[in-house]
Amino acid sequence: MTDPISHFGRIAQMDSSVRKVAAKSEQTTDKAKAADVAAPAHSPSDELQLSDVARKATQEPQFDRAKVDAIKRAIQQGQYPLDVRRIAESFVAIENMIKG
């Protein structure tokens, strides 16, 4: 695979010790892809079962649409209360987290 910015392959950018491992990994991946192509098609009885966590993650997020619309209207009309001091303090806190 080529890096779209530097136009170097990933293996060329790695240390020599890592290159060997990456080359083996790519060979294994290529063999697996070839095996996938040669594998027969799945039967119609194949079934995918998602865990509860995965099922919840793929569902639409639940929120109060009326409240969101009311906030949007208030912002558009310039009636949404802003506490500039609190906003500034939040920015300072974020900058401190970024700096470490």
N, C-alpha and C. Protein backbone atom coordinates (compact mmCIF):
# COMPACT_ATOMS: atom_id res chain seq x y z
N MET A 1 0.85 -1.18 0.00
CA MET A 1 0.00 0.00 0.00
C MET A 1 0.90 1.24 0.00
N THR A 2 0.52 2.24 -0.74
CA THR A 2 1.31 3.46 -0.86
C THR A 2 0.67 4.57 -0.04
N ASP A 3 1.53 5.33 0.65
CA ASP A 3 1.07 6.48 1.41
C ASP A 3 0.71 7.58 0.42
N PRO A 4 -0.54 8.11 0.46
CA PRO A 4 -0.94 9.11 -0.53
C PRO A 4 -0.21 10.43 -0.42
N ILE A 5 0.42 10.70 0.71
CA ILE A 5 1.11 11.98 0.88
C ILE A 5 2.56 11.87 0.44
N SER A 6 3.29 10.88 0.97
CA SER A 6 4.70 10.77 0.66
C SER A 6 4.98 9.87 -0.53
N HIS A 7 3.99 9.09 -0.97
CA HIS A 7 4.12 8.17 -2.08
C HIS A 7 5.14 7.08 -1.82
N PHE A 8 5.38 6.78 -0.55
CA PHE A 8 6.24 5.66 -0.17
C PHE A 8 5.36 4.53 0.32
N GLY A 9 5.80 3.34 0.11
CA GLY A 9 5.08 2.19 0.66
C GLY A 9 5.25 2.15 2.16
N ARG A 10 4.32 1.53 2.82
CA ARG A 10 4.39 1.45 4.28
C ARG A 10 5.65 0.72 4.73
N ILE A 11 6.01 -0.35 4.05
CA ILE A 11 7.16 -1.13 4.47
C ILE A 11 8.44 -0.31 4.34
N ALA A 12 8.54 0.55 3.32
CA ALA A 12 9.73 1.37 3.13
C ALA A 12 9.91 2.37 4.26
N GLN A 13 8.84 2.73 4.93
CA GLN A 13 8.90 3.73 5.99
C GLN A 13 9.22 3.11 7.35
N MET A 14 9.19 1.80 7.47
CA MET A 14 9.36 1.14 8.76
C MET A 14 10.82 0.81 9.03
N ASP A 15 11.13 0.56 10.30
CA ASP A 15 12.46 0.08 10.66
C ASP A 15 12.64 -1.31 10.07
N SER A 16 13.91 -1.72 9.90
CA SER A 16 14.16 -3.02 9.27
C SER A 16 13.58 -4.18 10.08
N SER A 17 13.59 -4.08 11.41
CA SER A 17 13.04 -5.17 12.22
C SER A 17 11.54 -5.28 12.06
N VAL A 18 10.90 -4.14 11.86
CA VAL A 18 9.45 -4.13 11.70
C VAL A 18 9.08 -4.54 10.27
N ARG A 19 9.95 -4.24 9.30
CA ARG A 19 9.67 -4.58 7.91
C ARG A 19 9.48 -6.09 7.73
N LYS A 20 10.33 -6.87 8.40
CA LYS A 20 10.25 -8.32 8.26
C LYS A 20 8.89 -8.83 8.76
N VAL A 21 8.47 -8.32 9.91
CA VAL A 21 7.19 -8.74 10.47
C VAL A 21 6.04 -8.29 9.58
N ALA A 22 6.12 -7.06 9.08
CA ALA A 22 5.06 -6.53 8.22
C ALA A 22 4.99 -7.31 6.91
N ALA A 23 6.14 -7.66 6.35
CA ALA A 23 6.17 -8.42 5.10
C ALA A 23 5.51 -9.78 5.30
N LYS A 24 5.82 -10.44 6.41
CA LYS A 24 5.19 -11.74 6.70
C LYS A 24 3.69 -11.57 6.88
N SER A 25 3.30 -10.50 7.55
CA SER A 25 1.88 -10.23 7.77
C SER A 25 1.16 -10.02 6.45
N GLU A 26 1.78 -9.27 5.54
CA GLU A 26 1.16 -9.02 4.24
C GLU A 26 1.07 -10.29 3.42
N GLN A 27 2.09 -11.17 3.52
CA GLN A 27 2.05 -12.44 2.80
C GLN A 27 0.90 -13.30 3.32
N THR A 28 0.72 -13.32 4.64
CA THR A 28 -0.35 -14.08 5.25
C THR A 28 -1.70 -13.53 4.80
N THR A 29 -1.81 -12.20 4.75
CA THR A 29 -3.05 -11.57 4.31
C THR A 29 -3.34 -11.90 2.85
N ASP A 30 -2.31 -11.87 2.01
CA ASP A 30 -2.48 -12.20 0.59
C ASP A 30 -2.96 -13.65 0.43
N LYS A 31 -2.39 -14.57 1.23
CA LYS A 31 -2.82 -15.96 1.17
C LYS A 31 -4.26 -16.10 1.61
N ALA A 32 -4.64 -15.36 2.65
CA ALA A 32 -6.02 -15.42 3.13
C ALA A 32 -6.98 -14.88 2.08
N LYS A 33 -6.58 -13.81 1.39
CA LYS A 33 -7.44 -13.26 0.33
C LYS A 33 -7.60 -14.27 -0.79
N ALA A 34 -6.52 -14.95 -1.15
CA ALA A 34 -6.59 -15.97 -2.20
C ALA A 34 -7.51 -17.11 -1.77
N ALA A 35 -7.44 -17.49 -0.51
CA ALA A 35 -8.31 -18.55 0.00
C ALA A 35 -9.76 -18.11 -0.02
N ASP A 36 -10.02 -16.84 0.27
CA ASP A 36 -11.39 -16.33 0.24
C ASP A 36 -11.96 -16.40 -1.18
N VAL A 37 -11.13 -16.10 -2.16
CA VAL A 37 -11.59 -16.14 -3.55
C VAL A 37 -11.90 -17.57 -3.94
N ALA A 38 -11.09 -18.52 -3.49
CA ALA A 38 -11.27 -19.92 -3.84
C ALA A 38 -12.38 -20.58 -3.04
N ALA A 39 -12.79 -19.98 -1.94
CA ALA A 39 -13.80 -20.59 -1.08
C ALA A 39 -15.16 -20.59 -1.77
N PRO A 40 -15.97 -21.61 -1.51
CA PRO A 40 -17.30 -21.65 -2.12
C PRO A 40 -18.20 -20.58 -1.52
N ALA A 41 -19.24 -20.24 -2.25
CA ALA A 41 -20.19 -19.22 -1.78
C ALA A 41 -20.90 -19.74 -0.53
N HIS A 42 -21.32 -18.83 0.32
CA HIS A 42 -22.02 -19.20 1.54
C HIS A 42 -23.41 -19.72 1.21
N SER A 43 -23.85 -20.64 2.00
CA SER A 43 -25.18 -21.19 1.77
C SER A 43 -26.24 -20.22 2.29
N PRO A 44 -27.47 -20.32 1.80
CA PRO A 44 -28.53 -19.41 2.24
C PRO A 44 -28.85 -19.54 3.72
N SER A 45 -28.42 -20.63 4.35
CA SER A 45 -28.74 -20.82 5.76
C SER A 45 -27.75 -20.10 6.68
N ASP A 46 -26.72 -19.46 6.11
CA ASP A 46 -25.79 -18.71 6.95
C ASP A 46 -26.54 -17.60 7.66
N GLU A 47 -26.15 -17.36 8.90
CA GLU A 47 -26.88 -16.40 9.71
C GLU A 47 -25.89 -15.59 10.55
N LEU A 48 -26.16 -14.32 10.68
CA LEU A 48 -25.35 -13.43 11.50
C LEU A 48 -26.15 -13.07 12.74
N GLN A 49 -25.53 -13.28 13.90
CA GLN A 49 -26.19 -12.93 15.15
C GLN A 49 -25.36 -11.87 15.86
N LEU A 50 -25.98 -10.73 16.10
CA LEU A 50 -25.29 -9.64 16.78
C LEU A 50 -25.50 -9.74 18.28
N SER A 51 -24.49 -9.33 19.02
CA SER A 51 -24.64 -9.27 20.47
C SER A 51 -25.53 -8.08 20.81
N ASP A 52 -25.98 -8.02 22.04
CA ASP A 52 -26.84 -6.90 22.47
C ASP A 52 -26.12 -5.57 22.30
N VAL A 53 -24.82 -5.55 22.61
CA VAL A 53 -24.03 -4.32 22.50
C VAL A 53 -23.96 -3.88 21.05
N ALA A 54 -23.68 -4.81 20.15
CA ALA A 54 -23.59 -4.47 18.73
C ALA A 54 -24.94 -4.01 18.20
N ARG A 55 -26.00 -4.65 18.63
CA ARG A 55 -27.34 -4.27 18.19
C ARG A 55 -27.67 -2.85 18.64
N LYS A 56 -27.31 -2.52 19.89
CA LYS A 56 -27.58 -1.17 20.40
C LYS A 56 -26.74 -0.12 19.66
N ALA A 57 -25.51 -0.50 19.30
CA ALA A 57 -24.62 0.44 18.62
C ALA A 57 -25.12 0.77 17.22
N THR A 58 -25.83 -0.15 16.59
CA THR A 58 -26.30 0.10 15.23
C THR A 58 -27.67 0.77 15.19
N GLN A 59 -28.31 0.91 16.33
CA GLN A 59 -29.62 1.56 16.37
C GLN A 59 -29.47 3.08 16.33
N GLU A 60 -30.53 3.72 15.95
CA GLU A 60 -30.57 5.18 15.95
C GLU A 60 -30.43 5.69 17.38
N PRO A 61 -29.68 6.77 17.57
CA PRO A 61 -29.60 7.33 18.93
C PRO A 61 -30.95 7.91 19.33
N GLN A 62 -31.27 7.77 20.60
CA GLN A 62 -32.54 8.27 21.09
C GLN A 62 -32.32 9.65 21.71
N PHE A 63 -33.12 10.62 21.28
CA PHE A 63 -33.04 11.96 21.83
C PHE A 63 -34.40 12.63 21.67
N ASP A 64 -34.54 13.74 22.33
CA ASP A 64 -35.80 14.47 22.33
C ASP A 64 -35.79 15.44 21.15
N ARG A 65 -36.43 15.04 20.05
CA ARG A 65 -36.43 15.83 18.82
C ARG A 65 -37.02 17.21 19.06
N ALA A 66 -38.09 17.32 19.86
CA ALA A 66 -38.74 18.60 20.12
C ALA A 66 -37.78 19.55 20.84
N LYS A 67 -37.02 19.02 21.79
CA LYS A 67 -36.08 19.87 22.53
C LYS A 67 -34.97 20.37 21.61
N VAL A 68 -34.46 19.48 20.75
CA VAL A 68 -33.41 19.87 19.80
C VAL A 68 -33.93 20.97 18.87
N ASP A 69 -35.15 20.80 18.36
CA ASP A 69 -35.73 21.81 17.47
C ASP A 69 -35.93 23.14 18.18
N ALA A 70 -36.34 23.09 19.45
CA ALA A 70 -36.54 24.33 20.22
C ALA A 70 -35.21 25.06 20.43
N ILE A 71 -34.15 24.31 20.70
CA ILE A 71 -32.83 24.93 20.89
C ILE A 71 -32.35 25.53 19.57
N LYS A 72 -32.55 24.82 18.47
CA LYS A 72 -32.16 25.35 17.16
C LYS A 72 -32.87 26.68 16.86
N ARG A 73 -34.18 26.71 17.12
CA ARG A 73 -34.94 27.94 16.88
C ARG A 73 -34.43 29.07 17.75
N ALA A 74 -34.16 28.78 19.02
CA ALA A 74 -33.67 29.82 19.94
C ALA A 74 -32.32 30.36 19.48
N ILE A 75 -31.45 29.50 19.00
CA ILE A 75 -30.13 29.93 18.51
C ILE A 75 -30.32 30.81 17.27
N GLN A 76 -31.17 30.38 16.33
CA GLN A 76 -31.40 31.14 15.10
C GLN A 76 -32.00 32.51 15.39
N GLN A 77 -32.83 32.59 16.41
CA GLN A 77 -33.49 33.85 16.75
C GLN A 77 -32.66 34.69 17.72
N GLY A 78 -31.50 34.19 18.11
CA GLY A 78 -30.64 34.94 19.02
C GLY A 78 -31.17 34.98 20.44
N GLN A 79 -31.99 34.03 20.82
CA GLN A 79 -32.58 34.02 22.15
C GLN A 79 -32.01 32.92 23.05
N TYR A 80 -30.98 32.23 22.59
CA TYR A 80 -30.40 31.16 23.40
C TYR A 80 -29.40 31.79 24.37
N PRO A 81 -29.58 31.57 25.67
CA PRO A 81 -28.70 32.21 26.65
C PRO A 81 -27.29 31.60 26.64
N LEU A 82 -26.30 32.47 26.51
CA LEU A 82 -24.91 32.04 26.53
C LEU A 82 -24.20 32.65 27.72
N ASP A 83 -23.45 31.84 28.43
CA ASP A 83 -22.64 32.31 29.54
C ASP A 83 -21.20 32.37 29.03
N VAL A 84 -20.78 33.54 28.57
CA VAL A 84 -19.46 33.68 27.95
C VAL A 84 -18.33 33.32 28.90
N ARG A 85 -18.51 33.60 30.17
CA ARG A 85 -17.47 33.26 31.15
C ARG A 85 -17.30 31.74 31.24
N ARG A 86 -18.42 31.03 31.28
CA ARG A 86 -18.37 29.57 31.36
C ARG A 86 -17.75 28.98 30.08
N ILE A 87 -18.09 29.54 28.93
CA ILE A 87 -17.51 29.08 27.67
C ILE A 87 -16.01 29.28 27.67
N ALA A 88 -15.56 30.46 28.11
CA ALA A 88 -14.12 30.75 28.16
C ALA A 88 -13.40 29.80 29.11
N GLU A 89 -14.00 29.53 30.25
CA GLU A 89 -13.40 28.60 31.21
C GLU A 89 -13.29 27.20 30.62
N SER A 90 -14.27 26.80 29.83
CA SER A 90 -14.23 25.49 29.19
C SER A 90 -13.09 25.43 28.17
N PHE A 91 -12.89 26.51 27.43
CA PHE A 91 -11.78 26.54 26.47
C PHE A 91 -10.44 26.44 27.19
N VAL A 92 -10.31 27.13 28.30
CA VAL A 92 -9.06 27.08 29.07
C VAL A 92 -8.81 25.65 29.55
N ALA A 93 -9.87 25.00 30.04
CA ALA A 93 -9.74 23.63 30.53
C ALA A 93 -9.32 22.69 29.39
N ILE A 94 -9.91 22.89 28.21
CA ILE A 94 -9.56 22.05 27.07
C ILE A 94 -8.10 22.28 26.66
N GLU A 95 -7.66 23.54 26.63
CA GLU A 95 -6.28 23.85 26.28
C GLU A 95 -5.31 23.24 27.28
N ASN A 96 -5.66 23.26 28.55
CA ASN A 96 -4.79 22.65 29.57
C ASN A 96 -4.71 21.14 29.39
N MET A 97 -5.80 20.52 29.00
CA MET A 97 -5.78 19.07 28.75
C MET A 97 -4.92 18.75 27.55
N ILE A 98 -4.97 19.58 26.53
CA ILE A 98 -4.19 19.34 25.32
C ILE A 98 -2.70 19.50 25.62
N LYS A 99 -2.35 20.53 26.38
CA LYS A 99 -0.94 20.79 26.70
C LYS A 99 -0.38 19.70 27.59
N GLY A 100 -1.22 19.10 28.39
CA GLY A 100 -0.76 17.99 29.24
C GLY A 100 -0.40 18.41 30.57
